[in-house]
Amino acid sequence: SGRTFSSYAMAWFRQAPGKERDLVAA
């Protein structure tokens, strides 16, 4: 919310304990 959703890419990241945040899908 807060802006025009369709105008921007979106992604999912994940972070496991003790690990870096990684890009999962976009």
PDB file of all heavy atoms in Angstrom:
ATOM      1  N   SER A   1       0.843  -1.189   0.000  1.00  0.00           N
ATOM      2  CA  SER A   1       0.000   0.000   0.000  1.00  0.00           C
ATOM      3  C   SER A   1       0.876   1.236   0.000  1.00  0.00           C
ATOM      4  O   SER A   1       2.072   1.163   0.289  1.00  0.00           O
ATOM      5  CB  SER A   1      -0.919   0.009   1.230  1.00  0.00           C
ATOM      6  OG  SER A   1      -0.165   0.009   2.417  1.00  0.00           O
ATOM      7  N   GLY A   2       0.297   2.345  -0.383  1.00  0.00           N
ATOM      8  CA  GLY A   2       1.011   3.608  -0.323  1.00  0.00           C
ATOM      9  C   GLY A   2       1.531   4.124  -1.649  1.00  0.00           C
ATOM     10  O   GLY A   2       2.037   5.242  -1.726  1.00  0.00           O
ATOM     11  N   ARG A   3       1.428   3.298  -2.675  1.00  0.00           N
ATOM     12  CA  ARG A   3       1.830   3.760  -4.002  1.00  0.00           C
ATOM     13  C   ARG A   3       1.200   2.819  -5.032  1.00  0.00           C
ATOM     14  O   ARG A   3       0.565   1.827  -4.676  1.00  0.00           O
ATOM     15  CB  ARG A   3       3.348   3.791  -4.155  1.00  0.00           C
ATOM     16  CG  ARG A   3       4.008   2.438  -4.110  1.00  0.00           C
ATOM     17  CD  ARG A   3       5.506   2.551  -4.242  1.00  0.00           C
ATOM     18  NE  ARG A   3       6.106   1.237  -4.446  1.00  0.00           N
ATOM     19  CZ  ARG A   3       7.400   1.011  -4.510  1.00  0.00           C
ATOM     20  NH1 ARG A   3       8.257   2.027  -4.386  1.00  0.00           N
ATOM     21  NH2 ARG A   3       7.865  -0.208  -4.711  1.00  0.00           N
ATOM     22  N   THR A   4       1.412   3.120  -6.316  1.00  0.00           N
ATOM     23  CA  THR A   4       0.808   2.323  -7.382  1.00  0.00           C
ATOM     24  C   THR A   4       1.543   1.000  -7.522  1.00  0.00           C
ATOM     25  O   THR A   4       2.653   0.938  -8.054  1.00  0.00           O
ATOM     26  CB  THR A   4       0.829   3.094  -8.710  1.00  0.00           C
ATOM     27  OG1 THR A   4       0.176   4.359  -8.544  1.00  0.00           O
ATOM     28  CG2 THR A   4       0.116   2.309  -9.795  1.00  0.00           C
ATOM     29  N   PHE A   5       0.910  -0.049  -7.043  1.00  0.00           N
ATOM     30  CA  PHE A   5       1.551  -1.362  -6.984  1.00  0.00           C
ATOM     31  C   PHE A   5       2.052  -1.834  -8.332  1.00  0.00           C
ATOM     32  O   PHE A   5       3.164  -2.360  -8.451  1.00  0.00           O
ATOM     33  CB  PHE A   5       0.532  -2.368  -6.421  1.00  0.00           C
ATOM     34  CG  PHE A   5       1.025  -3.779  -6.338  1.00  0.00           C
ATOM     35  CD1 PHE A   5       1.892  -4.152  -5.324  1.00  0.00           C
ATOM     36  CD2 PHE A   5       0.618  -4.730  -7.261  1.00  0.00           C
ATOM     37  CE1 PHE A   5       2.350  -5.460  -5.233  1.00  0.00           C
ATOM     38  CE2 PHE A   5       1.071  -6.034  -7.185  1.00  0.00           C
ATOM     39  CZ  PHE A   5       1.943  -6.396  -6.168  1.00  0.00           C
ATOM     40  N   SER A   6       1.276  -1.647  -9.358  1.00  0.00           N
ATOM     41  CA  SER A   6       1.612  -2.204 -10.677  1.00  0.00           C
ATOM     42  C   SER A   6       2.829  -1.544 -11.317  1.00  0.00           C
ATOM     43  O   SER A   6       3.351  -2.048 -12.315  1.00  0.00           O
ATOM     44  CB  SER A   6       0.407  -2.068 -11.611  1.00  0.00           C
ATOM     45  OG  SER A   6       0.040  -0.712 -11.777  1.00  0.00           O
ATOM     46  N   SER A   7       3.288  -0.449 -10.751  1.00  0.00           N
ATOM     47  CA  SER A   7       4.399   0.300 -11.346  1.00  0.00           C
ATOM     48  C   SER A   7       5.766  -0.156 -10.864  1.00  0.00           C
ATOM     49  O   SER A   7       6.782   0.403 -11.289  1.00  0.00           O
ATOM     50  CB  SER A   7       4.237   1.793 -11.050  1.00  0.00           C
ATOM     51  OG  SER A   7       3.077   2.307 -11.675  1.00  0.00           O
ATOM     52  N   TYR A   8       5.811  -1.152  -9.995  1.00  0.00           N
ATOM     53  CA  TYR A   8       7.076  -1.550  -9.381  1.00  0.00           C
ATOM     54  C   TYR A   8       7.254  -3.062  -9.385  1.00  0.00           C
ATOM     55  O   TYR A   8       6.282  -3.819  -9.245  1.00  0.00           O
ATOM     56  CB  TYR A   8       7.161  -1.041  -7.945  1.00  0.00           C
ATOM     57  CG  TYR A   8       7.148   0.460  -7.853  1.00  0.00           C
ATOM     58  CD1 TYR A   8       5.944   1.159  -7.799  1.00  0.00           C
ATOM     59  CD2 TYR A   8       8.333   1.188  -7.843  1.00  0.00           C
ATOM     60  CE1 TYR A   8       5.922   2.534  -7.737  1.00  0.00           C
ATOM     61  CE2 TYR A   8       8.313   2.573  -7.767  1.00  0.00           C
ATOM     62  CZ  TYR A   8       7.112   3.231  -7.730  1.00  0.00           C
ATOM     63  OH  TYR A   8       7.097   4.596  -7.665  1.00  0.00           O
ATOM     64  N   ALA A   9       8.526  -3.461  -9.496  1.00  0.00           N
ATOM     65  CA  ALA A   9       8.862  -4.866  -9.324  1.00  0.00           C
ATOM     66  C   ALA A   9       8.696  -5.263  -7.868  1.00  0.00           C
ATOM     67  O   ALA A   9       8.711  -4.420  -6.967  1.00  0.00           O
ATOM     68  CB  ALA A   9      10.299  -5.104  -9.775  1.00  0.00           C
ATOM     69  N   MET A  10       8.556  -6.576  -7.656  1.00  0.00           N
ATOM     70  CA  MET A  10       8.405  -7.106  -6.312  1.00  0.00           C
ATOM     71  C   MET A  10       9.289  -8.341  -6.155  1.00  0.00           C
ATOM     72  O   MET A  10       9.618  -9.006  -7.158  1.00  0.00           O
ATOM     73  CB  MET A  10       6.954  -7.500  -6.046  1.00  0.00           C
ATOM     74  CG  MET A  10       5.939  -6.375  -6.139  1.00  0.00           C
ATOM     75  SD  MET A  10       6.174  -5.110  -4.876  1.00  0.00           S
ATOM     76  CE  MET A  10       5.894  -6.068  -3.373  1.00  0.00           C
ATOM     77  N   ALA A  11       9.639  -8.650  -4.935  1.00  0.00           N
ATOM     78  CA  ALA A  11      10.526  -9.792  -4.704  1.00  0.00           C
ATOM     79  C   ALA A  11      10.293 -10.398  -3.325  1.00  0.00           C
ATOM     80  O   ALA A  11       9.710  -9.769  -2.440  1.00  0.00           O
ATOM     81  CB  ALA A  11      11.986  -9.355  -4.833  1.00  0.00           C
ATOM     82  N   TRP A  12      10.781 -11.618  -3.205  1.00  0.00           N
ATOM     83  CA  TRP A  12      10.855 -12.304  -1.912  1.00  0.00           C
ATOM     84  C   TRP A  12      12.314 -12.630  -1.616  1.00  0.00           C
ATOM     85  O   TRP A  12      13.036 -13.137  -2.490  1.00  0.00           O
ATOM     86  CB  TRP A  12      10.036 -13.586  -1.929  1.00  0.00           C
ATOM     87  CG  TRP A  12       8.563 -13.375  -1.933  1.00  0.00           C
ATOM     88  CD1 TRP A  12       7.738 -13.342  -3.027  1.00  0.00           C
ATOM     89  CD2 TRP A  12       7.727 -13.159  -0.803  1.00  0.00           C
ATOM     90  NE1 TRP A  12       6.438 -13.118  -2.627  1.00  0.00           N
ATOM     91  CE2 TRP A  12       6.404 -13.009  -1.265  1.00  0.00           C
ATOM     92  CE3 TRP A  12       7.962 -13.102   0.575  1.00  0.00           C
ATOM     93  CZ2 TRP A  12       5.330 -12.790  -0.410  1.00  0.00           C
ATOM     94  CZ3 TRP A  12       6.903 -12.881   1.419  1.00  0.00           C
ATOM     95  CH2 TRP A  12       5.591 -12.729   0.939  1.00  0.00           C
ATOM     96  N   PHE A  13      12.713 -12.330  -0.394  1.00  0.00           N
ATOM     97  CA  PHE A  13      14.012 -12.702   0.124  1.00  0.00           C
ATOM     98  C   PHE A  13      13.787 -13.625   1.314  1.00  0.00           C
ATOM     99  O   PHE A  13      12.689 -13.694   1.871  1.00  0.00           O
ATOM    100  CB  PHE A  13      14.786 -11.468   0.609  1.00  0.00           C
ATOM    101  CG  PHE A  13      15.309 -10.579  -0.482  1.00  0.00           C
ATOM    102  CD1 PHE A  13      14.454  -9.794  -1.242  1.00  0.00           C
ATOM    103  CD2 PHE A  13      16.665 -10.502  -0.736  1.00  0.00           C
ATOM    104  CE1 PHE A  13      14.933  -8.959  -2.241  1.00  0.00           C
ATOM    105  CE2 PHE A  13      17.156  -9.669  -1.726  1.00  0.00           C
ATOM    106  CZ  PHE A  13      16.293  -8.890  -2.474  1.00  0.00           C
ATOM    107  N   ARG A  14      14.846 -14.303   1.736  1.00  0.00           N
ATOM    108  CA  ARG A  14      14.763 -15.078   2.972  1.00  0.00           C
ATOM    109  C   ARG A  14      16.093 -15.003   3.708  1.00  0.00           C
ATOM    110  O   ARG A  14      17.150 -14.827   3.096  1.00  0.00           O
ATOM    111  CB  ARG A  14      14.379 -16.526   2.709  1.00  0.00           C
ATOM    112  CG  ARG A  14      15.432 -17.377   2.015  1.00  0.00           C
ATOM    113  CD  ARG A  14      14.886 -18.772   1.766  1.00  0.00           C
ATOM    114  NE  ARG A  14      15.880 -19.654   1.158  1.00  0.00           N
ATOM    115  CZ  ARG A  14      15.622 -20.908   0.783  1.00  0.00           C
ATOM    116  NH1 ARG A  14      14.406 -21.432   0.943  1.00  0.00           N
ATOM    117  NH2 ARG A  14      16.580 -21.649   0.253  1.00  0.00           N
ATOM    118  N   GLN A  15      15.981 -15.131   5.029  1.00  0.00           N
ATOM    119  CA  GLN A  15      17.171 -15.101   5.873  1.00  0.00           C
ATOM    120  C   GLN A  15      17.052 -16.188   6.920  1.00  0.00           C
ATOM    121  O   GLN A  15      16.160 -16.147   7.778  1.00  0.00           O
ATOM    122  CB  GLN A  15      17.348 -13.734   6.533  1.00  0.00           C
ATOM    123  CG  GLN A  15      18.648 -13.594   7.292  1.00  0.00           C
ATOM    124  CD  GLN A  15      18.928 -12.158   7.693  1.00  0.00           C
ATOM    125  OE1 GLN A  15      18.026 -11.323   7.789  1.00  0.00           O
ATOM    126  NE2 GLN A  15      20.189 -11.844   7.917  1.00  0.00           N
ATOM    127  N   ALA A  16      17.951 -17.147   6.838  1.00  0.00           N
ATOM    128  CA  ALA A  16      18.027 -18.207   7.834  1.00  0.00           C
ATOM    129  C   ALA A  16      18.928 -17.754   8.978  1.00  0.00           C
ATOM    130  O   ALA A  16      19.763 -16.861   8.800  1.00  0.00           O
ATOM    131  CB  ALA A  16      18.574 -19.485   7.187  1.00  0.00           C
ATOM    132  N   PRO A  17      18.776 -18.350  10.143  1.00  0.00           N
ATOM    133  CA  PRO A  17      19.600 -17.957  11.294  1.00  0.00           C
ATOM    134  C   PRO A  17      21.087 -18.041  10.983  1.00  0.00           C
ATOM    135  O   PRO A  17      21.578 -19.047  10.462  1.00  0.00           O
ATOM    136  CB  PRO A  17      19.200 -18.969  12.368  1.00  0.00           C
ATOM    137  CG  PRO A  17      17.826 -19.385  11.998  1.00  0.00           C
ATOM    138  CD  PRO A  17      17.794 -19.387  10.502  1.00  0.00           C
ATOM    139  N   GLY A  18      21.800 -16.962  11.265  1.00  0.00           N
ATOM    140  CA  GLY A  18      23.235 -16.935  11.065  1.00  0.00           C
ATOM    141  C   GLY A  18      23.679 -16.781   9.629  1.00  0.00           C
ATOM    142  O   GLY A  18      24.874 -16.865   9.339  1.00  0.00           O
ATOM    143  N   LYS A  19      22.728 -16.537   8.726  1.00  0.00           N
ATOM    144  CA  LYS A  19      23.069 -16.416   7.307  1.00  0.00           C
ATOM    145  C   LYS A  19      22.625 -15.057   6.772  1.00  0.00           C
ATOM    146  O   LYS A  19      21.846 -14.348   7.392  1.00  0.00           O
ATOM    147  CB  LYS A  19      22.428 -17.542   6.506  1.00  0.00           C
ATOM    148  CG  LYS A  19      22.938 -18.920   6.884  1.00  0.00           C
ATOM    149  CD  LYS A  19      22.435 -19.973   5.938  1.00  0.00           C
ATOM    150  CE  LYS A  19      22.997 -21.341   6.270  1.00  0.00           C
ATOM    151  NZ  LYS A  19      22.510 -22.391   5.331  1.00  0.00           N
ATOM    152  N   GLU A  20      23.119 -14.728   5.595  1.00  0.00           N
ATOM    153  CA  GLU A  20      22.749 -13.474   4.954  1.00  0.00           C
ATOM    154  C   GLU A  20      21.344 -13.578   4.354  1.00  0.00           C
ATOM    155  O   GLU A  20      20.830 -14.663   4.111  1.00  0.00           O
ATOM    156  CB  GLU A  20      23.756 -13.132   3.861  1.00  0.00           C
ATOM    157  CG  GLU A  20      25.148 -12.844   4.375  1.00  0.00           C
ATOM    158  CD  GLU A  20      26.091 -12.398   3.274  1.00  0.00           C
ATOM    159  OE1 GLU A  20      25.695 -12.466   2.093  1.00  0.00           O
ATOM    160  OE2 GLU A  20      27.211 -11.979   3.593  1.00  0.00           O
ATOM    161  N   ARG A  21      20.758 -12.425   4.101  1.00  0.00           N
ATOM    162  CA  ARG A  21      19.465 -12.370   3.430  1.00  0.00           C
ATOM    163  C   ARG A  21      19.685 -12.586   1.934  1.00  0.00           C
ATOM    164  O   ARG A  21      20.472 -11.870   1.311  1.00  0.00           O
ATOM    165  CB  ARG A  21      18.801 -11.026   3.689  1.00  0.00           C
ATOM    166  CG  ARG A  21      17.376 -10.947   3.231  1.00  0.00           C
ATOM    167  CD  ARG A  21      16.748  -9.612   3.603  1.00  0.00           C
ATOM    168  NE  ARG A  21      16.731  -9.400   5.043  1.00  0.00           N
ATOM    169  CZ  ARG A  21      16.117  -8.371   5.617  1.00  0.00           C
ATOM    170  NH1 ARG A  21      15.469  -7.478   4.867  1.00  0.00           N
ATOM    171  NH2 ARG A  21      16.134  -8.228   6.919  1.00  0.00           N
ATOM    172  N   ASP A  22      19.003 -13.558   1.382  1.00  0.00           N
ATOM    173  CA  ASP A  22      19.190 -13.920  -0.018  1.00  0.00           C
ATOM    174  C   ASP A  22      17.919 -13.697  -0.827  1.00  0.00           C
ATOM    175  O   ASP A  22      16.807 -13.923  -0.339  1.00  0.00           O
ATOM    176  CB  ASP A  22      19.580 -15.396  -0.139  1.00  0.00           C
ATOM    177  CG  ASP A  22      20.953 -15.692   0.434  1.00  0.00           C
ATOM    178  OD1 ASP A  22      21.841 -14.828   0.324  1.00  0.00           O
ATOM    179  OD2 ASP A  22      21.125 -16.785   1.002  1.00  0.00           O
ATOM    180  N   LEU A  23      18.108 -13.327  -2.081  1.00  0.00           N
ATOM    181  CA  LEU A  23      16.983 -13.178  -2.996  1.00  0.00           C
ATOM    182  C   LEU A  23      16.466 -14.564  -3.392  1.00  0.00           C
ATOM    183  O   LEU A  23      17.226 -15.412  -3.858  1.00  0.00           O
ATOM    184  CB  LEU A  23      17.419 -12.402  -4.236  1.00  0.00           C
ATOM    185  CG  LEU A  23      16.373 -12.210  -5.333  1.00  0.00           C
ATOM    186  CD1 LEU A  23      15.152 -11.455  -4.827  1.00  0.00           C
ATOM    187  CD2 LEU A  23      16.997 -11.482  -6.532  1.00  0.00           C
ATOM    188  N   VAL A  24      15.182 -14.761  -3.196  1.00  0.00           N
ATOM    189  CA  VAL A  24      14.541 -16.037  -3.517  1.00  0.00           C
ATOM    190  C   VAL A  24      13.916 -15.987  -4.906  1.00  0.00           C
ATOM    191  O   VAL A  24      14.153 -16.854  -5.738  1.00  0.00           O
ATOM    192  CB  VAL A  24      13.459 -16.360  -2.473  1.00  0.00           C
ATOM    193  CG1 VAL A  24      12.618 -17.558  -2.893  1.00  0.00           C
ATOM    194  CG2 VAL A  24      14.090 -16.591  -1.111  1.00  0.00           C
ATOM    195  N   ALA A  25      13.110 -14.959  -5.133  1.00  0.00           N
ATOM    196  CA  ALA A  25      12.391 -14.831  -6.396  1.00  0.00           C
ATOM    197  C   ALA A  25      11.964 -13.387  -6.576  1.00  0.00           C
ATOM    198  O   ALA A  25      11.789 -12.660  -5.595  1.00  0.00           O
ATOM    199  CB  ALA A  25      11.164 -15.738  -6.429  1.00  0.00           C
ATOM    200  N   ALA A  26      11.800 -12.989  -7.825  1.00  0.00           N
ATOM    201  CA  ALA A  26      11.380 -11.628  -8.117  1.00  0.00           C
ATOM    202  C   ALA A  26      10.517 -11.615  -9.377  1.00  0.00           C
ATOM    203  O   ALA A  26      10.633 -12.508 -10.235  1.00  0.00           O
ATOM    204  CB  ALA A  26      12.594 -10.721  -8.311  1.00  0.00           C
TER     205      ALA A  26
END
